[in-house]
């Protein structure tokens, strides 16, 4: 069993490192030159115009939403670190521990929160006009995968909770 958990730990580390490198690369490729153009425009913009109806709010919302998307992707990567905690508990022989139950619930929370927030941010980004938003493409990616996975982790947490209760009952009857 120890060999299997070590292999799974190595695979999880590889996935985490790959995900972090992809996130960092995407952040690096983010169009910061457009932000410089925005700063130059902000210096010469007409200050008497309403801020909410100007190009200013569109530009700022684009950067705020993009930063939010980067944050949520980092949060999803953080959620994968709980797999390492679960594997460590399993390696120590604590299959039905309170920690595993807590970790499964946290992973489920993170998956569902990520999906909902990214969906909202992508919708807002589409309304700003800097991207296209297609509900069917969203259904093929985050919603169709991560929501059921999040619910599955809630189910695993409940199964492990019942397993812990059964384990405690067995200890009392012996």
N, C-alpha and C. Protein backbone atom coordinates (compact mmCIF):
# COMPACT_ATOMS: atom_id res chain seq x y z
N UNK A 1 0.82 -1.19 0.00
CA UNK A 1 0.00 0.00 0.00
C UNK A 1 0.87 1.26 0.00
N UNK A 2 1.99 1.16 0.70
CA UNK A 2 2.87 2.32 0.79
C UNK A 2 3.42 2.70 -0.58
N UNK A 3 3.73 1.69 -1.42
CA UNK A 3 4.22 1.97 -2.77
C UNK A 3 3.17 2.69 -3.61
N UNK A 4 1.92 2.26 -3.48
CA UNK A 4 0.85 2.89 -4.25
C UNK A 4 0.64 4.35 -3.83
N UNK A 5 0.69 4.61 -2.53
CA UNK A 5 0.50 5.99 -2.09
C UNK A 5 1.69 6.86 -2.50
N UNK A 6 2.89 6.28 -2.54
CA UNK A 6 4.04 7.05 -3.01
C UNK A 6 3.91 7.39 -4.49
N UNK A 7 3.45 6.43 -5.28
CA UNK A 7 3.23 6.68 -6.71
C UNK A 7 2.17 7.75 -6.90
N UNK A 8 1.08 7.64 -6.15
CA UNK A 8 0.02 8.65 -6.24
C UNK A 8 0.50 10.02 -5.78
N UNK A 9 1.36 10.04 -4.77
CA UNK A 9 1.93 11.32 -4.30
C UNK A 9 2.80 11.94 -5.39
N UNK A 10 3.60 11.14 -6.04
CA UNK A 10 4.46 11.65 -7.12
C UNK A 10 3.60 12.19 -8.27
N UNK A 11 2.58 11.45 -8.64
CA UNK A 11 1.67 11.91 -9.70
C UNK A 11 1.00 13.22 -9.29
N UNK A 12 0.58 13.32 -8.05
CA UNK A 12 -0.07 14.55 -7.57
C UNK A 12 0.91 15.72 -7.60
N UNK A 13 2.16 15.50 -7.18
CA UNK A 13 3.16 16.56 -7.24
C UNK A 13 3.40 17.01 -8.68
N UNK A 14 3.46 16.07 -9.62
CA UNK A 14 3.66 16.41 -11.03
C UNK A 14 2.49 17.25 -11.55
N UNK A 15 1.27 16.84 -11.21
CA UNK A 15 0.09 17.60 -11.63
C UNK A 15 0.10 18.99 -11.02
N UNK A 16 0.45 19.09 -9.74
CA UNK A 16 0.51 20.40 -9.08
C UNK A 16 1.56 21.30 -9.72
N UNK A 17 2.75 20.77 -9.95
CA UNK A 17 3.80 21.57 -10.57
C UNK A 17 3.44 22.01 -11.98
N UNK A 18 2.84 21.10 -12.75
CA UNK A 18 2.41 21.46 -14.10
C UNK A 18 1.32 22.53 -14.06
N UNK A 19 0.39 22.40 -13.14
CA UNK A 19 -0.69 23.39 -13.03
C UNK A 19 -0.16 24.76 -12.62
N UNK A 20 0.77 24.78 -11.67
CA UNK A 20 1.37 26.05 -11.24
C UNK A 20 2.15 26.68 -12.38
N UNK A 21 2.89 25.88 -13.13
CA UNK A 21 3.66 26.43 -14.24
C UNK A 21 2.75 26.98 -15.33
N UNK A 22 1.64 26.31 -15.60
CA UNK A 22 0.68 26.81 -16.59
C UNK A 22 0.07 28.12 -16.11
N UNK A 23 -0.29 28.19 -14.84
CA UNK A 23 -0.85 29.43 -14.29
C UNK A 23 0.15 30.57 -14.37
N UNK A 24 1.39 30.31 -13.99
CA UNK A 24 2.41 31.35 -14.05
C UNK A 24 2.69 31.80 -15.48
N UNK A 25 2.66 30.85 -16.42
CA UNK A 25 2.86 31.20 -17.82
C UNK A 25 1.70 32.06 -18.33
N UNK A 26 0.48 31.70 -17.97
CA UNK A 26 -0.68 32.50 -18.39
C UNK A 26 -0.61 33.90 -17.81
N UNK A 27 -0.17 34.01 -16.57
CA UNK A 27 -0.03 35.34 -15.96
C UNK A 27 1.06 36.14 -16.67
N UNK A 28 2.12 35.46 -17.06
CA UNK A 28 3.21 36.13 -17.76
C UNK A 28 2.75 36.62 -19.14
N UNK A 29 1.94 35.83 -19.80
CA UNK A 29 1.47 36.18 -21.14
C UNK A 29 0.32 37.17 -21.14
N UNK A 30 -0.23 37.45 -19.98
CA UNK A 30 -1.33 38.41 -19.89
C UNK A 30 -0.87 39.73 -20.49
N UNK A 31 -1.73 40.36 -21.20
CA UNK A 31 -1.36 41.53 -21.99
C UNK A 31 -1.14 42.76 -21.11
N UNK A 32 0.06 42.85 -20.55
CA UNK A 32 0.38 44.01 -19.71
C UNK A 32 0.65 45.25 -20.54
N UNK A 33 0.95 45.10 -21.82
CA UNK A 33 1.13 46.27 -22.68
C UNK A 33 -0.18 47.04 -22.82
N UNK A 34 -1.27 46.30 -22.82
CA UNK A 34 -2.58 46.96 -22.88
C UNK A 34 -2.81 47.77 -21.61
N UNK A 35 -2.29 47.29 -20.49
CA UNK A 35 -2.42 48.05 -19.25
C UNK A 35 -1.62 49.35 -19.32
N UNK A 36 -0.46 49.32 -19.96
CA UNK A 36 0.31 50.56 -20.14
C UNK A 36 -0.46 51.54 -21.01
N UNK A 37 -1.11 51.03 -22.06
CA UNK A 37 -1.93 51.90 -22.90
C UNK A 37 -3.09 52.48 -22.10
N UNK A 38 -3.65 51.68 -21.22
CA UNK A 38 -4.73 52.16 -20.38
C UNK A 38 -4.25 53.27 -19.45
N UNK A 39 -3.07 53.11 -18.88
CA UNK A 39 -2.52 54.15 -18.02
C UNK A 39 -2.28 55.44 -18.78
N UNK A 40 -1.77 55.34 -20.00
CA UNK A 40 -1.57 56.53 -20.83
C UNK A 40 -2.90 57.19 -21.16
N UNK A 41 -3.92 56.39 -21.47
CA UNK A 41 -5.24 56.94 -21.77
C UNK A 41 -5.82 57.61 -20.53
N UNK A 42 -5.62 57.01 -19.34
CA UNK A 42 -6.17 57.56 -18.10
C UNK A 42 -5.58 58.94 -17.80
N UNK A 43 -4.35 59.18 -18.23
CA UNK A 43 -3.72 60.48 -17.98
C UNK A 43 -4.36 61.59 -18.81
N UNK A 44 -4.81 61.25 -20.01
CA UNK A 44 -5.37 62.28 -20.88
C UNK A 44 -6.89 62.23 -20.97
N UNK A 45 -7.53 61.34 -20.22
CA UNK A 45 -8.98 61.19 -20.29
C UNK A 45 -9.68 62.43 -19.73
N UNK A 46 -10.88 62.67 -20.23
CA UNK A 46 -11.68 63.81 -19.78
C UNK A 46 -12.22 63.48 -18.39
N UNK A 47 -11.80 64.23 -17.40
CA UNK A 47 -12.18 63.96 -16.01
C UNK A 47 -13.62 64.34 -15.72
N UNK A 48 -14.26 65.13 -16.60
CA UNK A 48 -15.64 65.53 -16.34
C UNK A 48 -16.64 64.46 -16.77
N UNK A 49 -16.19 63.50 -17.56
CA UNK A 49 -17.08 62.41 -17.95
C UNK A 49 -17.38 61.53 -16.75
N UNK A 50 -18.58 60.96 -16.75
CA UNK A 50 -18.95 60.03 -15.69
C UNK A 50 -18.03 58.81 -15.75
N UNK A 51 -17.53 58.41 -14.60
CA UNK A 51 -16.58 57.31 -14.56
C UNK A 51 -17.23 55.99 -14.98
N UNK A 52 -18.49 55.79 -14.58
CA UNK A 52 -19.15 54.51 -14.83
C UNK A 52 -19.56 54.32 -16.28
N UNK A 53 -19.66 55.40 -17.04
CA UNK A 53 -20.04 55.26 -18.44
C UNK A 53 -18.85 55.42 -19.37
N UNK A 54 -17.69 55.52 -18.83
CA UNK A 54 -16.51 55.75 -19.65
C UNK A 54 -15.81 54.44 -19.99
N UNK A 55 -14.84 54.59 -20.84
CA UNK A 55 -13.98 53.46 -21.19
C UNK A 55 -13.19 53.01 -19.98
N UNK A 56 -13.02 53.90 -19.03
CA UNK A 56 -12.25 53.63 -17.82
C UNK A 56 -12.80 52.42 -17.06
N UNK A 57 -14.09 52.39 -16.84
CA UNK A 57 -14.69 51.29 -16.08
C UNK A 57 -14.56 49.97 -16.84
N UNK A 58 -14.66 50.04 -18.15
CA UNK A 58 -14.51 48.82 -18.95
C UNK A 58 -13.09 48.28 -18.83
N UNK A 59 -12.12 49.18 -18.92
CA UNK A 59 -10.73 48.74 -18.80
C UNK A 59 -10.43 48.19 -17.41
N UNK A 60 -10.86 48.89 -16.38
CA UNK A 60 -10.60 48.43 -15.02
C UNK A 60 -11.30 47.12 -14.74
N UNK A 61 -12.52 46.97 -15.21
CA UNK A 61 -13.24 45.72 -14.96
C UNK A 61 -12.56 44.56 -15.67
N UNK A 62 -12.02 44.80 -16.86
CA UNK A 62 -11.31 43.75 -17.57
C UNK A 62 -10.13 43.24 -16.73
N UNK A 63 -9.35 44.15 -16.17
CA UNK A 63 -8.20 43.74 -15.37
C UNK A 63 -8.61 43.13 -14.04
N UNK A 64 -9.65 43.65 -13.45
CA UNK A 64 -10.12 43.08 -12.18
C UNK A 64 -10.66 41.67 -12.38
N UNK A 65 -11.42 41.47 -13.43
CA UNK A 65 -11.98 40.14 -13.71
C UNK A 65 -10.86 39.17 -14.08
N UNK A 66 -9.90 39.62 -14.86
CA UNK A 66 -8.77 38.74 -15.21
C UNK A 66 -7.98 38.36 -13.97
N UNK A 67 -7.76 39.31 -13.07
CA UNK A 67 -7.08 38.99 -11.82
C UNK A 67 -7.90 38.00 -11.00
N UNK A 68 -9.22 38.16 -11.00
CA UNK A 68 -10.09 37.21 -10.30
C UNK A 68 -9.98 35.81 -10.89
N UNK A 69 -9.91 35.73 -12.20
CA UNK A 69 -9.76 34.41 -12.84
C UNK A 69 -8.43 33.76 -12.47
N UNK A 70 -7.37 34.57 -12.43
CA UNK A 70 -6.07 34.03 -12.00
C UNK A 70 -6.14 33.55 -10.54
N UNK A 71 -6.81 34.33 -9.70
CA UNK A 71 -6.95 33.94 -8.29
C UNK A 71 -7.69 32.61 -8.16
N UNK A 72 -8.80 32.46 -8.87
CA UNK A 72 -9.59 31.24 -8.73
C UNK A 72 -8.86 30.03 -9.28
N UNK A 73 -8.06 30.22 -10.32
CA UNK A 73 -7.26 29.10 -10.81
C UNK A 73 -6.22 28.70 -9.78
N UNK A 74 -5.62 29.67 -9.11
CA UNK A 74 -4.69 29.36 -8.03
C UNK A 74 -5.39 28.66 -6.88
N UNK A 75 -6.62 29.07 -6.59
CA UNK A 75 -7.40 28.45 -5.52
C UNK A 75 -7.72 26.99 -5.86
N UNK A 76 -7.99 26.72 -7.12
CA UNK A 76 -8.24 25.34 -7.54
C UNK A 76 -6.98 24.50 -7.38
N UNK A 77 -5.84 25.07 -7.73
CA UNK A 77 -4.57 24.36 -7.54
C UNK A 77 -4.34 24.09 -6.05
N UNK A 78 -4.66 25.07 -5.22
CA UNK A 78 -4.57 24.88 -3.77
C UNK A 78 -5.44 23.71 -3.32
N UNK A 79 -6.61 23.57 -3.91
CA UNK A 79 -7.49 22.45 -3.57
C UNK A 79 -6.86 21.10 -3.84
N UNK A 80 -6.03 21.03 -4.88
CA UNK A 80 -5.38 19.76 -5.19
C UNK A 80 -4.33 19.38 -4.15
N UNK A 81 -3.86 20.34 -3.37
CA UNK A 81 -2.88 20.00 -2.34
C UNK A 81 -3.50 19.14 -1.24
N UNK A 82 -4.81 19.20 -1.10
CA UNK A 82 -5.46 18.35 -0.10
C UNK A 82 -5.36 16.86 -0.45
N UNK A 83 -5.16 16.55 -1.73
CA UNK A 83 -4.94 15.15 -2.10
C UNK A 83 -3.68 14.61 -1.43
N UNK A 84 -2.66 15.45 -1.35
CA UNK A 84 -1.43 15.03 -0.68
C UNK A 84 -1.68 14.75 0.80
N UNK A 85 -2.51 15.58 1.43
CA UNK A 85 -2.85 15.37 2.84
C UNK A 85 -3.60 14.06 3.03
N UNK A 86 -4.53 13.78 2.12
CA UNK A 86 -5.29 12.52 2.20
C UNK A 86 -4.35 11.34 2.01
N UNK A 87 -3.45 11.44 1.04
CA UNK A 87 -2.51 10.34 0.81
C UNK A 87 -1.59 10.12 2.01
N UNK A 88 -1.20 11.17 2.68
CA UNK A 88 -0.35 11.04 3.87
C UNK A 88 -1.13 10.33 4.99
N UNK A 89 -2.40 10.69 5.16
CA UNK A 89 -3.23 10.02 6.18
C UNK A 89 -3.39 8.53 5.84
N UNK A 90 -3.62 8.23 4.58
CA UNK A 90 -3.79 6.83 4.16
C UNK A 90 -2.48 6.07 4.36
N UNK A 91 -1.37 6.71 4.06
CA UNK A 91 -0.06 6.07 4.24
C UNK A 91 0.20 5.75 5.70
N UNK A 92 -0.30 6.58 6.59
CA UNK A 92 -0.15 6.35 8.03
C UNK A 92 -1.18 5.36 8.57
N UNK A 93 -2.07 4.87 7.73
CA UNK A 93 -3.07 3.89 8.14
C UNK A 93 -4.33 4.50 8.71
N UNK A 94 -4.50 5.79 8.60
CA UNK A 94 -5.70 6.48 9.11
C UNK A 94 -6.68 6.69 7.96
N UNK A 95 -7.33 5.61 7.57
CA UNK A 95 -8.23 5.69 6.42
C UNK A 95 -9.47 6.53 6.72
N UNK A 96 -10.10 6.28 7.84
CA UNK A 96 -11.36 6.94 8.17
C UNK A 96 -11.16 8.01 9.24
N UNK A 97 -10.13 8.80 9.09
CA UNK A 97 -9.85 9.83 10.10
C UNK A 97 -10.72 11.06 9.87
N UNK A 98 -10.85 11.85 10.91
CA UNK A 98 -11.58 13.11 10.81
C UNK A 98 -10.93 14.03 9.78
N UNK A 99 -9.61 13.96 9.70
CA UNK A 99 -8.90 14.80 8.73
C UNK A 99 -9.29 14.47 7.30
N UNK A 100 -9.37 13.17 6.98
CA UNK A 100 -9.76 12.79 5.62
C UNK A 100 -11.16 13.27 5.30
N UNK A 101 -12.06 13.14 6.25
CA UNK A 101 -13.44 13.62 6.05
C UNK A 101 -13.42 15.12 5.79
N UNK A 102 -12.65 15.85 6.58
CA UNK A 102 -12.54 17.30 6.43
C UNK A 102 -11.91 17.65 5.08
N UNK A 103 -10.88 16.91 4.67
CA UNK A 103 -10.21 17.20 3.41
C UNK A 103 -11.12 16.95 2.21
N UNK A 104 -11.89 15.87 2.26
CA UNK A 104 -12.82 15.60 1.16
C UNK A 104 -13.87 16.71 1.05
N UNK A 105 -14.37 17.19 2.19
CA UNK A 105 -15.34 18.28 2.16
C UNK A 105 -14.71 19.56 1.61
N UNK A 106 -13.47 19.84 2.00
CA UNK A 106 -12.79 21.05 1.51
C UNK A 106 -12.57 20.98 0.01
N UNK A 107 -12.18 19.82 -0.49
CA UNK A 107 -11.98 19.67 -1.93
C UNK A 107 -13.30 19.89 -2.65
N UNK A 108 -14.38 19.32 -2.14
CA UNK A 108 -15.70 19.53 -2.74
C UNK A 108 -16.09 21.00 -2.73
N UNK A 109 -15.84 21.68 -1.61
CA UNK A 109 -16.13 23.12 -1.52
C UNK A 109 -15.33 23.90 -2.56
N UNK A 110 -14.07 23.60 -2.67
CA UNK A 110 -13.20 24.33 -3.59
C UNK A 110 -13.64 24.11 -5.03
N UNK A 111 -13.95 22.88 -5.40
CA UNK A 111 -14.38 22.60 -6.77
C UNK A 111 -15.66 23.35 -7.11
N UNK A 112 -16.62 23.32 -6.21
CA UNK A 112 -17.90 23.98 -6.49
C UNK A 112 -17.75 25.49 -6.47
N UNK A 113 -17.03 26.04 -5.50
CA UNK A 113 -16.80 27.50 -5.45
C UNK A 113 -16.06 27.97 -6.69
N UNK A 114 -15.06 27.23 -7.10
CA UNK A 114 -14.31 27.59 -8.30
C UNK A 114 -15.24 27.66 -9.51
N UNK A 115 -16.04 26.63 -9.70
CA UNK A 115 -16.89 26.56 -10.87
C UNK A 115 -17.89 27.71 -10.91
N UNK A 116 -18.53 27.97 -9.78
CA UNK A 116 -19.53 29.04 -9.74
C UNK A 116 -18.87 30.40 -9.98
N UNK A 117 -17.78 30.67 -9.30
CA UNK A 117 -17.13 31.98 -9.42
C UNK A 117 -16.52 32.20 -10.80
N UNK A 118 -15.90 31.19 -11.37
CA UNK A 118 -15.33 31.34 -12.70
C UNK A 118 -16.44 31.53 -13.73
N UNK A 119 -17.56 30.85 -13.56
CA UNK A 119 -18.68 31.03 -14.49
C UNK A 119 -19.19 32.47 -14.43
N UNK A 120 -19.32 33.01 -13.22
CA UNK A 120 -19.78 34.39 -13.06
C UNK A 120 -18.77 35.36 -13.67
N UNK A 121 -17.49 35.14 -13.40
CA UNK A 121 -16.46 36.04 -13.93
C UNK A 121 -16.38 35.98 -15.45
N UNK A 122 -16.53 34.81 -16.02
CA UNK A 122 -16.52 34.70 -17.49
C UNK A 122 -17.74 35.39 -18.09
N UNK A 123 -18.87 35.28 -17.44
CA UNK A 123 -20.06 35.99 -17.91
C UNK A 123 -19.82 37.50 -17.86
N UNK A 124 -19.25 37.98 -16.75
CA UNK A 124 -18.95 39.41 -16.63
C UNK A 124 -17.92 39.86 -17.67
N UNK A 125 -16.94 39.03 -17.92
CA UNK A 125 -15.93 39.35 -18.91
C UNK A 125 -16.55 39.45 -20.30
N UNK A 126 -17.52 38.60 -20.57
CA UNK A 126 -18.22 38.66 -21.85
C UNK A 126 -19.07 39.92 -21.96
N UNK A 127 -19.67 40.35 -20.86
CA UNK A 127 -20.47 41.57 -20.90
C UNK A 127 -19.60 42.81 -21.07
N UNK A 128 -18.38 42.76 -20.57
CA UNK A 128 -17.45 43.87 -20.78
C UNK A 128 -17.06 43.93 -22.25
N UNK A 129 -17.12 42.80 -22.93
CA UNK A 129 -16.88 42.79 -24.36
C UNK A 129 -15.49 42.35 -24.77
N UNK A 130 -14.72 41.83 -23.85
CA UNK A 130 -13.36 41.42 -24.20
C UNK A 130 -13.25 39.94 -24.50
N UNK A 131 -14.32 39.21 -24.33
CA UNK A 131 -14.26 37.78 -24.66
C UNK A 131 -15.64 37.32 -25.10
N UNK A 132 -15.68 36.12 -25.60
CA UNK A 132 -16.96 35.54 -25.95
C UNK A 132 -17.36 34.57 -24.85
N UNK A 133 -18.64 34.53 -24.59
CA UNK A 133 -19.15 33.64 -23.54
C UNK A 133 -20.18 32.74 -24.19
N UNK A 134 -19.91 31.48 -24.14
CA UNK A 134 -20.82 30.51 -24.70
C UNK A 134 -21.17 29.52 -23.59
N UNK A 135 -22.44 29.48 -23.24
CA UNK A 135 -22.89 28.62 -22.14
C UNK A 135 -22.59 27.16 -22.46
N UNK A 136 -22.72 26.77 -23.71
CA UNK A 136 -22.49 25.38 -24.06
C UNK A 136 -21.01 24.99 -23.92
N UNK A 137 -20.11 25.91 -24.24
CA UNK A 137 -18.69 25.62 -24.01
C UNK A 137 -18.40 25.52 -22.52
N UNK A 138 -19.05 26.36 -21.73
CA UNK A 138 -18.86 26.29 -20.28
C UNK A 138 -19.38 24.97 -19.73
N UNK A 139 -20.50 24.50 -20.28
CA UNK A 139 -21.05 23.22 -19.83
C UNK A 139 -20.11 22.07 -20.17
N UNK A 140 -19.35 22.20 -21.25
CA UNK A 140 -18.41 21.14 -21.63
C UNK A 140 -17.18 21.13 -20.74
N UNK A 141 -16.90 22.22 -20.06
CA UNK A 141 -15.66 22.28 -19.28
C UNK A 141 -15.95 22.23 -17.79
N UNK A 142 -15.98 23.37 -17.14
CA UNK A 142 -16.02 23.40 -15.68
C UNK A 142 -17.29 22.77 -15.09
N UNK A 143 -18.43 23.21 -15.56
CA UNK A 143 -19.67 22.77 -14.91
C UNK A 143 -19.86 21.26 -15.05
N UNK A 144 -19.59 20.73 -16.23
CA UNK A 144 -19.85 19.30 -16.43
C UNK A 144 -18.83 18.41 -15.74
N UNK A 145 -17.69 18.98 -15.36
CA UNK A 145 -16.65 18.15 -14.74
C UNK A 145 -16.53 18.44 -13.24
N UNK A 146 -16.34 19.70 -12.89
CA UNK A 146 -15.99 20.02 -11.51
C UNK A 146 -17.17 19.99 -10.54
N UNK A 147 -18.37 20.36 -10.98
CA UNK A 147 -19.53 20.28 -10.08
C UNK A 147 -19.79 18.83 -9.69
N UNK A 148 -19.87 17.89 -10.64
CA UNK A 148 -20.05 16.49 -10.22
C UNK A 148 -18.88 15.96 -9.38
N UNK A 149 -17.66 16.41 -9.70
CA UNK A 149 -16.51 15.98 -8.87
C UNK A 149 -16.64 16.52 -7.46
N UNK A 150 -17.04 17.80 -7.33
CA UNK A 150 -17.24 18.38 -6.01
C UNK A 150 -18.31 17.64 -5.22
N UNK A 151 -19.41 17.31 -5.90
CA UNK A 151 -20.46 16.54 -5.23
C UNK A 151 -19.97 15.13 -4.88
N UNK A 152 -19.13 14.56 -5.74
CA UNK A 152 -18.54 13.25 -5.45
C UNK A 152 -17.65 13.29 -4.22
N UNK A 153 -16.93 14.40 -4.03
CA UNK A 153 -16.08 14.50 -2.84
C UNK A 153 -16.93 14.69 -1.58
N UNK A 154 -18.06 15.37 -1.71
CA UNK A 154 -18.99 15.43 -0.57
C UNK A 154 -19.50 14.03 -0.24
N UNK A 155 -19.79 13.25 -1.27
CA UNK A 155 -20.24 11.88 -1.07
C UNK A 155 -19.14 11.03 -0.42
N UNK A 156 -17.90 11.19 -0.88
CA UNK A 156 -16.79 10.48 -0.25
C UNK A 156 -16.63 10.87 1.22
N UNK A 157 -16.81 12.14 1.52
CA UNK A 157 -16.72 12.59 2.91
C UNK A 157 -17.79 11.89 3.75
N UNK A 158 -19.00 11.77 3.21
CA UNK A 158 -20.07 11.11 3.95
C UNK A 158 -19.78 9.61 4.10
N UNK A 159 -19.25 8.99 3.06
CA UNK A 159 -18.90 7.56 3.13
C UNK A 159 -17.81 7.34 4.17
N UNK A 160 -16.81 8.20 4.19
CA UNK A 160 -15.73 8.07 5.17
C UNK A 160 -16.24 8.34 6.58
N UNK A 161 -17.20 9.24 6.70
CA UNK A 161 -17.80 9.51 8.02
C UNK A 161 -18.53 8.27 8.53
N UNK A 162 -19.29 7.64 7.65
CA UNK A 162 -20.00 6.40 8.04
C UNK A 162 -19.00 5.28 8.31
N UNK A 163 -17.94 5.23 7.55
CA UNK A 163 -16.90 4.23 7.79
C UNK A 163 -16.24 4.43 9.14
N UNK A 164 -16.01 5.68 9.51
CA UNK A 164 -15.43 5.98 10.82
C UNK A 164 -16.38 5.56 11.94
N UNK A 165 -17.68 5.83 11.76
CA UNK A 165 -18.67 5.42 12.77
C UNK A 165 -18.72 3.89 12.89
N UNK A 166 -18.66 3.20 11.75
CA UNK A 166 -18.67 1.73 11.78
C UNK A 166 -17.40 1.19 12.44
N UNK A 167 -16.27 1.83 12.16
CA UNK A 167 -15.01 1.43 12.76
C UNK A 167 -15.05 1.62 14.28
N UNK A 168 -15.62 2.73 14.74
CA UNK A 168 -15.74 2.98 16.18
C UNK A 168 -16.69 1.98 16.84
N UNK A 169 -17.78 1.63 16.14
CA UNK A 169 -18.71 0.63 16.68
C UNK A 169 -18.02 -0.72 16.81
N UNK A 170 -17.24 -1.09 15.81
CA UNK A 170 -16.52 -2.37 15.85
C UNK A 170 -15.52 -2.41 16.99
N UNK A 171 -14.89 -1.31 17.29
CA UNK A 171 -13.93 -1.26 18.39
C UNK A 171 -14.64 -1.44 19.73
N UNK A 172 -15.86 -0.94 19.84
CA UNK A 172 -16.60 -1.06 21.09
C UNK A 172 -17.15 -2.47 21.30
N UNK A 173 -17.46 -3.17 20.23
CA UNK A 173 -18.03 -4.52 20.36
C UNK A 173 -16.97 -5.57 20.61
N UNK A 174 -15.75 -5.28 20.31
CA UNK A 174 -14.68 -6.27 20.53
C UNK A 174 -14.27 -6.26 21.92
